Protein backbone atom coordinates (compact mmCIF):
# COMPACT_ATOMS: atom_id res chain seq x y z
CA MET A 1 -16.83 -2.16 -13.04
CA GLY A 2 -13.93 -2.33 -11.11
CA ALA A 3 -12.17 0.67 -9.94
CA TRP A 4 -8.72 2.11 -11.27
CA GLY A 5 -6.94 5.11 -9.80
CA THR A 6 -3.93 6.64 -8.80
CA GLY A 7 -4.21 6.53 -4.82
CA ILE A 8 -4.12 3.60 -2.92
CA TYR A 9 -7.21 2.39 -2.34
CA ASP A 10 -8.65 3.02 -6.49
CA ASN A 11 -8.68 -0.32 -7.24
CA ASP A 12 -10.66 -3.01 -6.38
CA ASP A 13 -7.84 -5.88 -5.01
CA ALA A 14 -6.79 -2.98 -2.37
CA ALA A 15 -10.33 -2.20 -1.77
CA ASP A 16 -11.55 -5.78 -0.73
CA TRP A 17 -7.96 -6.08 1.17
CA SER A 18 -8.87 -3.33 3.27
CA VAL A 19 -11.80 -4.93 4.83
CA GLU A 20 -9.78 -8.19 5.97
CA VAL A 21 -7.28 -5.84 7.81
CA ALA A 22 -10.16 -4.44 9.57
CA GLU A 23 -10.76 -8.38 10.44
CA LEU A 24 -7.38 -9.68 10.77
CA GLY A 25 -4.77 -6.72 11.59
CA LEU A 26 -1.60 -6.59 11.22
CA PRO A 27 -0.61 -10.01 10.64
CA VAL A 28 -2.65 -9.54 7.20
CA VAL A 29 -0.10 -6.26 6.85
CA GLU A 30 2.54 -8.25 6.90
CA ALA A 31 1.46 -11.35 4.46
CA ALA A 32 0.79 -8.64 2.34
CA LEU A 33 4.06 -6.85 2.64
CA ASP A 34 6.27 -10.56 2.44
CA ALA A 35 4.02 -11.84 -0.61
CA ALA A 36 5.55 -8.80 -2.30
CA ILE A 37 8.59 -8.81 -1.14
CA GLU A 38 9.11 -12.83 -2.23
CA ALA A 39 7.38 -12.28 -5.40
CA GLU A 40 10.09 -12.39 -8.56
CA PHE A 41 8.37 -10.21 -10.22
CA ILE A 42 5.33 -8.21 -8.42
CA GLU A 43 1.76 -9.09 -10.26
CA ALA A 44 -0.83 -5.89 -9.76
CA PRO A 45 -3.06 -7.78 -7.14
CA VAL A 46 -0.10 -8.40 -5.44
CA GLY A 47 1.32 -5.35 -5.76
CA CYS A 48 -2.06 -3.12 -5.18
CA CYS A 49 -2.13 -4.82 -1.29
CA ALA A 50 1.57 -4.48 -0.89
CA LEU A 51 0.89 -1.09 -1.15
CA ALA A 52 -1.92 -1.28 0.76
CA ALA A 53 -0.01 -2.90 3.36
CA ALA A 54 2.64 0.04 3.39
CA ASP A 55 -0.03 2.42 3.94
CA VAL A 56 -1.42 0.98 7.00
CA VAL A 57 2.13 0.99 8.31
CA ALA A 58 3.04 4.30 6.65
CA ARG A 59 0.12 5.37 8.87
CA LEU A 60 0.44 4.18 12.03
CA VAL A 61 4.16 5.80 12.08
CA SER A 62 2.71 9.05 11.20
CA GLY A 63 -0.84 9.10 11.80
CA ARG A 64 -1.36 10.58 8.15
CA GLY A 65 -3.10 9.03 5.24
CA GLU A 66 -5.45 9.63 2.78
CA ASN A 67 -9.39 9.35 3.76
CA THR A 68 -11.23 7.94 0.54
CA VAL A 69 -14.54 6.10 0.99
CA TYR A 70 -12.34 2.79 -0.19
CA CYS A 71 -10.58 2.59 2.44
CA GLU A 72 -12.71 3.48 5.51
CA GLU A 73 -12.03 0.05 7.03
CA VAL A 74 -8.07 0.82 7.06
CA VAL A 75 -8.81 4.30 8.67
CA ALA A 76 -10.92 2.95 11.40
CA TRP A 77 -8.61 0.33 12.48
CA VAL A 78 -5.79 2.55 12.69
CA THR A 79 -7.66 4.91 14.52
CA ALA A 80 -8.65 1.74 16.99
CA ASN A 81 -5.42 0.20 17.07
CA ALA A 82 -2.77 2.87 16.55
CA ALA A 83 0.38 1.76 17.67
CA THR A 84 4.06 1.93 16.72
CA PRO A 85 5.06 -0.13 14.01
CA SER A 86 8.56 -2.81 14.51
CA THR A 87 10.96 -1.18 12.88
CA SER A 88 11.04 -4.55 11.01
CA LEU A 89 7.71 -4.32 9.65
CA VAL A 90 8.29 -0.42 8.90
CA ALA A 91 11.77 -2.00 6.30
CA LYS A 92 9.51 -3.82 4.67
CA ALA A 93 6.94 -1.62 3.86
CA THR A 94 9.99 0.49 2.93
CA LEU A 95 11.09 -2.69 0.71
CA VAL A 96 8.23 -2.96 -0.80
CA VAL A 97 7.51 0.51 -2.08
CA GLU A 98 11.34 0.57 -3.44
CA ARG A 99 10.28 -2.58 -5.36
CA LEU A 100 6.51 -1.06 -6.81
CA ARG A 101 8.67 1.87 -9.01
CA GLY A 102 11.15 -1.23 -9.93
CA ALA A 103 11.46 -3.38 -12.97
CA ASP A 104 9.79 -6.09 -11.30
CA SER A 105 6.37 -4.33 -10.69
CA GLU A 106 3.42 -5.20 -13.24
CA LEU A 107 1.97 -2.33 -11.59
CA ALA A 108 5.14 0.67 -12.62
CA GLU A 109 5.08 -1.43 -16.22
CA LEU A 110 1.02 -0.29 -15.83
CA TRP A 111 1.40 3.03 -14.98
CA SER A 112 4.33 3.60 -17.50
CA GLU A 113 1.88 3.69 -20.44
CA ASN A 114 -0.04 6.68 -19.03
CA PRO A 115 2.51 9.46 -18.32
CA ALA A 116 0.39 11.39 -16.63
CA GLY A 117 -1.13 8.88 -14.62
CA LEU A 118 2.59 7.28 -13.81
CA GLU A 119 3.19 11.11 -12.53
CA GLU A 120 0.29 10.86 -10.04
CA TRP A 121 0.85 7.23 -8.70
CA SER A 122 5.33 8.28 -8.14
CA ALA A 123 3.41 11.00 -6.14
CA THR A 124 1.28 8.71 -4.06
CA LEU A 125 4.62 6.10 -3.42
CA THR A 126 6.27 9.38 -2.69
CA ASP A 127 3.62 10.31 0.27
CA VAL A 128 3.99 6.30 1.38
CA GLU A 129 7.34 6.58 1.42
CA GLN A 130 7.97 9.90 3.67
CA ARG A 131 4.71 8.67 5.78
CA LEU A 132 7.35 5.54 6.59
CA SER A 133 10.05 7.85 6.85
CA ALA A 134 8.24 10.11 9.74
């Protein structure tokens, strides 16, 4: 049974992707952001990983983020590799969050079918945006 919730790591794609961050670091983060930026239409799996990548950047900027069983690897990696990300990486992460809200995002489509979930998911995106601008 797959996981699906409004939190950043409350889905199988992002939870699985977080293991890659622990193993490979920032190149995986940038690749996930680039995949979403380059996509004409952001499919849900790509969007889930890109949102998790934006969260990693936001954690590096702000020092804050959710701490659940699904993101233990990310929390550990950020703690061990705390460094200020480049302005270009922050800009990519910010652009990804903006795109995930838009018409070219399957996640936005899926959450629009569940008004209560959409409100919670939108709050999650807003939190990432705020941490990116900290």
